[in-house]
């Protein structure tokens, strides 16, 4: 008996799966309609089966050549109801087939885009993975794009991803900020009407519309070759999951150079995030609060800062980290000499693990130094 019920249950599952196939239902309805019309016309009007089938098809397709018309009262009554039913089924069929055609085309476009996307990501090395596309993630992506860094954005919210990519475009960002701050009217429909894949192709920024906490997504994003990962989700539990997964995946791939930064919303979770494998834990509300307090206490500092960081274009990315060994002509020069020759302001020098802030004008740079400069 158990075997019988198991067999019956499987038959029911197969039947329900078949019934759920809308296309199969439509084809079945059309066949049933054609058979009904053919048999009815043949019996009522006495037409040959081929003639009856012909009359049925031209009725269903609403062609109606007029060479076959019912002559009997019963045939005409049947034709009235059959025609109404046939038009309903035929219209629904055409609409559904058109929808399937469009969906099939969209699936093919999406498939080709995914193939190009994965081929692009396979060529990435020492790139960054950004998990989270809310306002904080959007700001991070803006800076990545302007610094010409290779990066991939992951989020399960399509609108958030689109906003992040839009704000990464310097022209869109500049016009959008004018509308928000200066009440400037701007037509941004050219950008906003673009689809997510179109924006990705235009900016050359890959993305995954997926759950950032999924280890499989991190693998597809090239965690084995990435140089950095930022977990910027609004929930500390999700960020903790990303950090644990990323650190373990990186270890298995022998990617010991991966740096992991994570957002923390609750200071009590900082220790857990560090223990999980994060190299840097930052609390946006603390840094944001310090910035706002500083700007209200010293308004001109705030005006200068926003003139440098909120207008888009080449005013961004002013703080740079420079390894002196990579600029050999700096070795042996003083901070003052570099300032005069290259118009750079060195605000700090890291030497032997300690920051010298601010460095003396006569400080001589060494090859092992790292300079923090305002470009």
Protein backbone atom coordinates (compact mmCIF):
# COMPACT_ATOMS: atom_id res chain seq x y z
CA UNK A 1 0.00 0.00 0.00
CA UNK A 2 2.84 2.40 0.85
CA UNK A 3 4.44 1.77 -2.53
CA UNK A 4 1.12 2.46 -4.21
CA UNK A 5 0.64 5.78 -2.44
CA UNK A 6 4.25 6.74 -3.18
CA UNK A 7 3.71 5.95 -6.85
CA UNK A 8 0.41 7.83 -6.89
CA UNK A 9 1.99 10.81 -5.15
CA UNK A 10 4.72 10.99 -7.76
CA UNK A 11 2.16 10.78 -10.55
CA UNK A 12 0.29 13.66 -8.95
CA UNK A 13 3.47 15.73 -8.71
CA UNK A 14 4.24 15.10 -12.38
CA UNK A 15 0.67 15.95 -13.31
CA UNK A 16 0.73 19.18 -11.31
CA UNK A 17 4.07 20.13 -12.80
CA UNK A 18 2.63 19.55 -16.26
CA UNK A 19 -0.48 21.54 -15.45
CA UNK A 20 1.63 24.41 -14.21
CA UNK A 21 3.16 24.66 -17.63
CA UNK A 22 1.05 27.44 -19.12
CA UNK A 23 2.34 26.85 -22.59
CA UNK A 24 1.35 23.19 -22.42
CA UNK A 25 -2.13 24.17 -21.30
CA UNK A 26 -2.52 26.59 -24.19
CA UNK A 27 -1.41 24.05 -26.76
CA UNK A 28 -3.80 21.51 -25.23
CA UNK A 29 -6.66 24.02 -25.30
CA UNK A 30 -6.01 24.86 -28.95
CA UNK A 31 -5.93 21.19 -29.93
CA UNK A 32 -9.12 20.50 -27.99
CA UNK A 33 -10.79 23.53 -29.59
CA UNK A 34 -9.76 22.45 -33.09
CA UNK A 35 -10.99 18.90 -32.52
CA UNK A 36 -14.29 20.15 -31.10
CA UNK A 37 -14.94 22.46 -34.04
CA UNK A 38 -13.92 19.86 -36.63
CA UNK A 39 -16.13 17.12 -35.21
CA UNK A 40 -19.08 19.48 -34.58
CA UNK A 41 -19.05 20.96 -38.08
CA UNK A 42 -18.64 17.52 -39.62
CA UNK A 43 -21.62 16.10 -37.72
CA UNK A 44 -23.91 19.13 -37.91
CA UNK A 45 -23.20 20.32 -41.47
CA UNK A 46 -22.10 17.00 -42.93
CA UNK A 47 -18.79 18.43 -44.12
CA UNK A 48 -15.77 16.25 -44.82
CA UNK A 49 -13.27 16.18 -41.96
CA UNK A 50 -10.71 18.21 -43.93
CA UNK A 51 -13.30 20.85 -44.81
CA UNK A 52 -14.51 20.93 -41.22
CA UNK A 53 -10.94 21.35 -39.95
CA UNK A 54 -10.37 24.12 -42.48
CA UNK A 55 -13.53 25.96 -41.37
CA UNK A 56 -12.49 25.55 -37.71
CA UNK A 57 -9.02 26.95 -38.22
CA UNK A 58 -10.15 30.04 -40.14
CA UNK A 59 -12.73 30.64 -37.40
CA UNK A 60 -10.13 30.37 -34.61
CA UNK A 61 -7.73 32.67 -36.46
CA UNK A 62 -10.61 35.09 -37.29
CA UNK A 63 -9.65 34.99 -40.99
CA UNK A 64 -13.14 33.97 -42.17
CA UNK A 65 -12.82 33.63 -45.95
CA UNK A 66 -16.57 32.93 -46.22
CA UNK A 67 -16.25 29.92 -48.52
CA UNK A 68 -17.56 27.64 -45.76
CA UNK A 69 -20.51 28.90 -43.75
CA UNK A 70 -22.99 26.90 -41.67
CA UNK A 71 -26.37 26.55 -43.39
CA UNK A 72 -28.44 24.90 -40.67
CA UNK A 73 -29.89 26.70 -37.66
CA UNK A 74 -28.00 24.35 -35.32
CA UNK A 75 -24.76 24.98 -37.18
CA UNK A 76 -25.19 28.75 -36.98
CA UNK A 77 -25.96 28.63 -33.25
CA UNK A 78 -22.87 26.50 -32.71
CA UNK A 79 -20.81 28.91 -34.85
CA UNK A 80 -21.89 31.88 -32.71
CA UNK A 81 -20.73 30.38 -29.44
CA UNK A 82 -17.73 28.64 -30.98
CA UNK A 83 -16.51 31.88 -32.58
CA UNK A 84 -16.78 33.81 -29.30
CA UNK A 85 -14.95 31.07 -27.45
CA UNK A 86 -12.35 30.72 -30.22
CA UNK A 87 -11.59 34.47 -30.27
CA UNK A 88 -11.09 34.44 -26.48
CA UNK A 89 -8.77 31.45 -26.58
CA UNK A 90 -6.96 32.74 -29.68
CA UNK A 91 -6.38 36.20 -28.21
CA UNK A 92 -5.10 34.73 -24.96
CA UNK A 93 -2.83 32.39 -26.92
CA UNK A 94 -1.32 35.21 -28.97
CA UNK A 95 -0.75 37.32 -25.85
CA UNK A 96 0.85 34.44 -23.96
CA UNK A 97 3.06 33.41 -26.87
CA UNK A 98 4.21 37.02 -27.24
CA UNK A 99 5.04 37.12 -23.53
CA UNK A 100 6.99 33.86 -23.82
CA UNK A 101 8.85 35.22 -26.82
CA UNK A 102 9.82 38.40 -24.97
CA UNK A 103 10.82 36.45 -21.86
CA UNK A 104 12.85 34.06 -23.97
CA UNK A 105 14.63 36.98 -25.61
CA UNK A 106 15.30 38.57 -22.22
CA UNK A 107 16.64 35.27 -20.90
CA UNK A 108 18.98 34.98 -23.88
CA UNK A 109 20.19 38.56 -23.37
CA UNK A 110 20.68 37.88 -19.66
CA UNK A 111 22.53 34.64 -20.43
CA UNK A 112 24.90 36.41 -22.83
CA UNK A 113 25.44 39.20 -20.31
CA UNK A 114 26.22 36.69 -17.54
CA UNK A 115 28.68 34.93 -19.81
CA UNK A 116 30.49 38.21 -20.55
CA UNK A 117 30.32 39.09 -16.86
CA UNK A 118 31.94 35.84 -15.74
CA UNK A 119 34.60 36.09 -18.43
CA UNK A 120 35.39 39.61 -17.23
CA UNK A 121 35.60 38.54 -13.59
CA UNK A 122 37.88 35.63 -14.49
CA UNK A 123 40.36 38.21 -15.72
CA UNK A 124 40.23 40.16 -12.45
CA UNK A 125 43.16 39.94 -10.07
CA UNK A 126 43.82 41.93 -6.89
CA UNK A 127 40.35 43.43 -7.08
CA UNK A 128 37.86 44.46 -4.40
CA UNK A 129 34.54 42.89 -3.45
CA UNK A 130 31.87 45.22 -2.06
CA UNK A 131 29.04 43.47 -0.19
CA UNK A 132 26.13 45.85 0.25
CA UNK A 133 24.65 48.57 -1.93
CA UNK A 134 22.81 50.84 0.49
CA UNK A 135 23.84 54.48 0.94
CA UNK A 136 27.16 53.53 2.56
CA UNK A 137 27.91 50.97 -0.14
CA UNK A 138 27.03 53.53 -2.80
CA UNK A 139 29.54 55.98 -1.35
CA UNK A 140 32.24 53.29 -1.28
CA UNK A 141 31.51 52.36 -4.89
CA UNK A 142 31.76 56.02 -5.95
CA UNK A 143 35.26 56.24 -4.51
CA UNK A 144 36.32 52.91 -6.02
CA UNK A 145 35.18 54.05 -9.44
CA UNK A 146 36.88 57.44 -9.25
CA UNK A 147 40.09 55.79 -8.02
CA UNK A 148 39.86 53.44 -11.05
CA UNK A 149 39.92 50.38 -8.80
CA UNK A 150 38.70 46.99 -10.02
CA UNK A 151 35.68 46.04 -7.95
CA UNK A 152 32.52 43.94 -7.89
CA UNK A 153 29.28 44.91 -6.13
CA UNK A 154 27.04 42.27 -4.51
CA UNK A 155 23.53 42.89 -3.19
CA UNK A 156 20.16 41.13 -3.36
CA UNK A 157 18.25 44.36 -4.03
CA UNK A 158 18.06 45.28 -7.70
CA UNK A 159 17.06 48.91 -7.09
CA UNK A 160 19.91 49.38 -4.62
CA UNK A 161 22.40 47.98 -7.13
CA UNK A 162 21.09 50.28 -9.85
CA UNK A 163 21.36 53.31 -7.58
CA UNK A 164 24.93 52.36 -6.66
CA UNK A 165 25.95 52.06 -10.31
CA UNK A 166 24.17 55.30 -11.22
CA UNK A 167 25.94 57.26 -8.50
CA UNK A 168 29.26 55.79 -9.62
CA UNK A 169 28.91 57.61 -12.94
CA UNK A 170 30.61 61.03 -12.49
CA UNK A 171 28.25 62.89 -14.87
CA UNK A 172 25.12 61.51 -13.24
CA UNK A 173 26.48 62.12 -9.75
CA UNK A 174 27.37 65.72 -10.46
CA UNK A 175 23.96 66.51 -11.97
CA UNK A 176 22.11 64.61 -9.24
CA UNK A 177 23.91 66.49 -6.47
CA UNK A 178 22.96 69.78 -8.10
CA UNK A 179 19.30 68.77 -8.06
CA UNK A 180 19.54 67.79 -4.38
CA UNK A 181 21.63 70.69 -3.07
CA UNK A 182 21.09 73.60 -5.46
CA UNK A 183 17.55 72.71 -6.60
CA UNK A 184 18.93 72.57 -10.12
CA UNK A 185 16.61 71.01 -12.70
CA UNK A 186 18.32 68.30 -14.73
CA UNK A 187 17.04 65.67 -17.14
CA UNK A 188 18.54 62.42 -15.88
CA UNK A 189 16.20 60.10 -17.78
CA UNK A 190 19.00 59.04 -20.14
CA UNK A 191 20.78 57.40 -17.20
CA UNK A 192 17.80 56.35 -15.10
CA UNK A 193 16.06 54.58 -17.98
CA UNK A 194 19.01 52.24 -18.43
CA UNK A 195 18.74 48.71 -17.14
CA UNK A 196 21.10 47.24 -14.57
CA UNK A 197 23.06 45.20 -17.18
CA UNK A 198 23.33 48.28 -19.41
CA UNK A 199 24.75 50.36 -16.57
CA UNK A 200 27.18 47.57 -15.72
CA UNK A 201 28.39 47.38 -19.31
CA UNK A 202 28.71 51.17 -19.62
CA UNK A 203 30.70 51.57 -16.40
CA UNK A 204 32.54 48.26 -16.77
CA UNK A 205 31.56 47.42 -13.18
CA UNK A 206 30.43 43.80 -12.59
CA UNK A 207 27.72 43.02 -10.09
CA UNK A 208 25.90 40.05 -8.62
CA UNK A 209 22.19 40.31 -7.85
CA UNK A 210 22.50 37.76 -5.07
CA UNK A 211 22.75 37.28 -1.32
CA UNK A 212 26.15 38.63 -0.18
CA UNK A 213 26.27 36.12 2.71
CA UNK A 214 26.31 33.21 0.25
CA UNK A 215 29.82 31.74 0.07
CA UNK A 216 29.14 30.49 -3.46
CA UNK A 217 28.66 34.09 -4.61
CA UNK A 218 31.98 35.12 -3.05
CA UNK A 219 33.68 32.26 -4.89
CA UNK A 220 32.14 33.44 -8.18
CA UNK A 221 33.34 36.96 -7.37
CA UNK A 222 36.94 35.69 -7.24
CA UNK A 223 37.59 35.73 -3.49
CA UNK A 224 40.69 33.62 -4.19
CA UNK A 225 42.25 36.50 -6.18
CA UNK A 226 40.78 39.53 -4.42
CA UNK A 227 42.97 41.97 -2.50
CA UNK A 228 40.17 43.40 -0.39
CA UNK A 229 36.58 42.84 0.72
CA UNK A 230 34.18 45.25 2.41
CA UNK A 231 31.12 43.94 4.27
CA UNK A 232 28.86 47.01 4.33
CA UNK A 233 25.45 45.51 5.12
CA UNK A 234 23.22 47.26 7.70
CA UNK A 235 22.92 44.12 9.87
CA UNK A 236 25.97 43.15 11.95
CA UNK A 237 24.94 39.49 11.85
CA UNK A 238 25.11 39.49 8.06
CA UNK A 239 28.48 41.22 8.13
CA UNK A 240 29.74 38.67 10.63
CA UNK A 241 28.62 35.86 8.31
CA UNK A 242 30.41 37.48 5.36
CA UNK A 243 33.63 37.97 7.33
CA UNK A 244 33.69 34.35 8.54
CA UNK A 245 32.97 32.99 5.07
CA UNK A 246 35.43 35.29 3.29
CA UNK A 247 38.28 34.62 5.71
CA UNK A 248 37.86 30.86 5.51
CA UNK A 249 37.50 30.84 1.73
CA UNK A 250 40.61 33.01 1.40
CA UNK A 251 42.60 30.64 3.64
CA UNK A 252 41.55 27.62 1.60
CA UNK A 253 42.61 29.43 -1.57
CA UNK A 254 45.94 30.46 0.02
CA UNK A 255 44.98 34.10 -0.44
CA UNK A 256 46.74 35.37 2.67
CA UNK A 257 46.91 38.95 1.36
CA UNK A 258 43.14 39.49 1.46
CA UNK A 259 42.22 42.47 3.63
CA UNK A 260 38.70 42.41 5.10
CA UNK A 261 36.96 45.55 6.28
CA UNK A 262 33.51 45.45 7.81
CA UNK A 263 30.87 47.85 8.94
CA UNK A 264 29.66 47.64 12.52
CA UNK A 265 26.50 49.34 13.70
CA UNK A 266 26.76 48.30 17.34
CA UNK A 267 30.14 48.90 19.07
CA UNK A 268 29.56 45.76 21.16
CA UNK A 269 29.99 43.65 18.02
CA UNK A 270 33.43 44.99 17.12
CA UNK A 271 35.29 42.30 19.07
CA UNK A 272 33.28 39.50 17.43
CA UNK A 273 34.02 40.90 13.99
CA UNK A 274 37.76 41.12 14.71
CA UNK A 275 37.77 37.57 16.11
CA UNK A 276 35.93 36.38 12.99
CA UNK A 277 38.80 37.55 10.82
CA UNK A 278 38.20 41.23 10.00
CA UNK A 279 41.30 43.37 9.58
CA UNK A 280 39.41 46.64 9.98
CA UNK A 281 36.09 47.36 11.70
CA UNK A 282 34.52 50.76 11.23
CA UNK A 283 31.39 52.32 12.74
CA UNK A 284 29.94 54.81 10.21
CA UNK A 285 27.86 56.61 12.84
CA UNK A 286 31.00 57.46 14.85
CA UNK A 287 32.98 58.85 11.93
CA UNK A 288 29.89 60.60 10.58
CA UNK A 289 29.17 62.13 13.98
CA UNK A 290 32.74 63.38 14.37
CA UNK A 291 32.59 64.93 10.91
CA UNK A 292 29.28 66.69 11.57
CA UNK A 293 30.45 68.04 14.93
CA UNK A 294 33.69 69.30 13.41
CA UNK A 295 31.84 71.03 10.58
CA UNK A 296 29.35 72.80 12.85
CA UNK A 297 32.14 73.94 15.16
CA UNK A 298 34.35 75.01 12.26
CA UNK A 299 32.03 75.80 9.33
CA UNK A 300 34.75 76.80 6.88
CA UNK A 301 36.47 73.45 7.35
CA UNK A 302 33.16 71.84 6.48
CA UNK A 303 32.71 74.08 3.43
CA UNK A 304 36.21 73.26 2.23
CA UNK A 305 35.71 69.55 2.83
CA UNK A 306 32.44 69.38 0.91
CA UNK A 307 33.85 71.46 -1.90
CA UNK A 308 36.46 68.72 -2.25
CA UNK A 309 34.35 65.63 -1.66
CA UNK A 310 30.81 66.35 -2.85
CA UNK A 311 31.12 67.78 -6.33
CA UNK A 312 32.27 64.74 -8.28
CA UNK A 313 34.88 64.70 -11.01
CA UNK A 314 38.60 65.19 -10.46
CA UNK A 315 38.20 66.85 -7.05
CA UNK A 316 37.71 63.43 -5.49
CA UNK A 317 40.33 61.03 -4.20
CA UNK A 318 42.53 63.76 -2.78
CA UNK A 319 44.11 61.64 -0.03
CA UNK A 320 46.67 59.22 -1.40
CA UNK A 321 48.88 56.57 0.18
CA UNK A 322 52.29 56.58 -1.44
CA UNK A 323 55.03 54.02 -0.88
CA UNK A 324 58.25 56.02 -1.13
CA UNK A 325 60.06 52.96 -2.54
CA UNK A 326 57.81 53.20 -5.60
CA UNK A 327 58.89 56.79 -6.21
CA UNK A 328 62.64 56.42 -6.03
CA UNK A 329 63.26 60.13 -6.71
CA UNK A 330 61.60 60.89 -3.35
CA UNK A 331 64.24 58.95 -1.43
CA UNK A 332 66.64 61.38 0.23
CA UNK A 333 64.42 64.40 -0.36
CA UNK A 334 62.85 66.45 2.41
CA UNK A 335 59.13 66.97 2.86
CA UNK A 336 59.57 70.62 1.87
CA UNK A 337 61.40 69.75 -1.36
CA UNK A 338 58.65 67.35 -2.45
CA UNK A 339 55.99 69.93 -1.65
CA UNK A 340 57.73 72.54 -3.80
CA UNK A 341 58.53 70.23 -6.73
CA UNK A 342 55.29 68.23 -6.98
CA UNK A 343 52.72 70.47 -5.29
CA UNK A 344 51.81 67.74 -2.81
CA UNK A 345 51.14 68.22 0.87
CA UNK A 346 52.51 65.37 2.99
CA UNK A 347 50.32 65.24 6.11
CA UNK A 348 51.85 62.13 7.66
CA UNK A 349 54.73 59.69 7.24
CA UNK A 350 54.61 56.13 8.53
CA UNK A 351 58.05 54.96 9.65
CA UNK A 352 58.85 51.84 11.68
CA UNK A 353 55.16 51.25 12.36
CA UNK A 354 54.55 54.75 13.75
CA UNK A 355 52.92 57.78 12.12
CA UNK A 356 54.78 61.07 12.18
CA UNK A 357 51.99 63.65 12.02
CA UNK A 358 52.64 66.25 10.86
CA UNK A 359 56.15 65.58 9.54
CA UNK A 360 58.79 68.29 9.91
CA UNK A 361 59.60 70.19 6.72
CA UNK A 362 63.21 69.02 6.93
CA UNK A 363 62.30 65.34 7.45
CA UNK A 364 64.24 63.26 4.92
CA UNK A 365 62.18 60.47 3.37
CA UNK A 366 63.48 56.91 3.38
CA UNK A 367 62.69 54.05 1.01
CA UNK A 368 60.74 52.14 3.64
CA UNK A 369 58.47 55.10 4.44
CA UNK A 370 54.81 55.38 3.50
CA UNK A 371 53.56 58.93 2.92
CA UNK A 372 49.98 60.13 3.29
CA UNK A 373 49.54 63.05 0.94
CA UNK A 374 46.88 65.49 -0.23
CA UNK A 375 47.04 65.53 -4.00
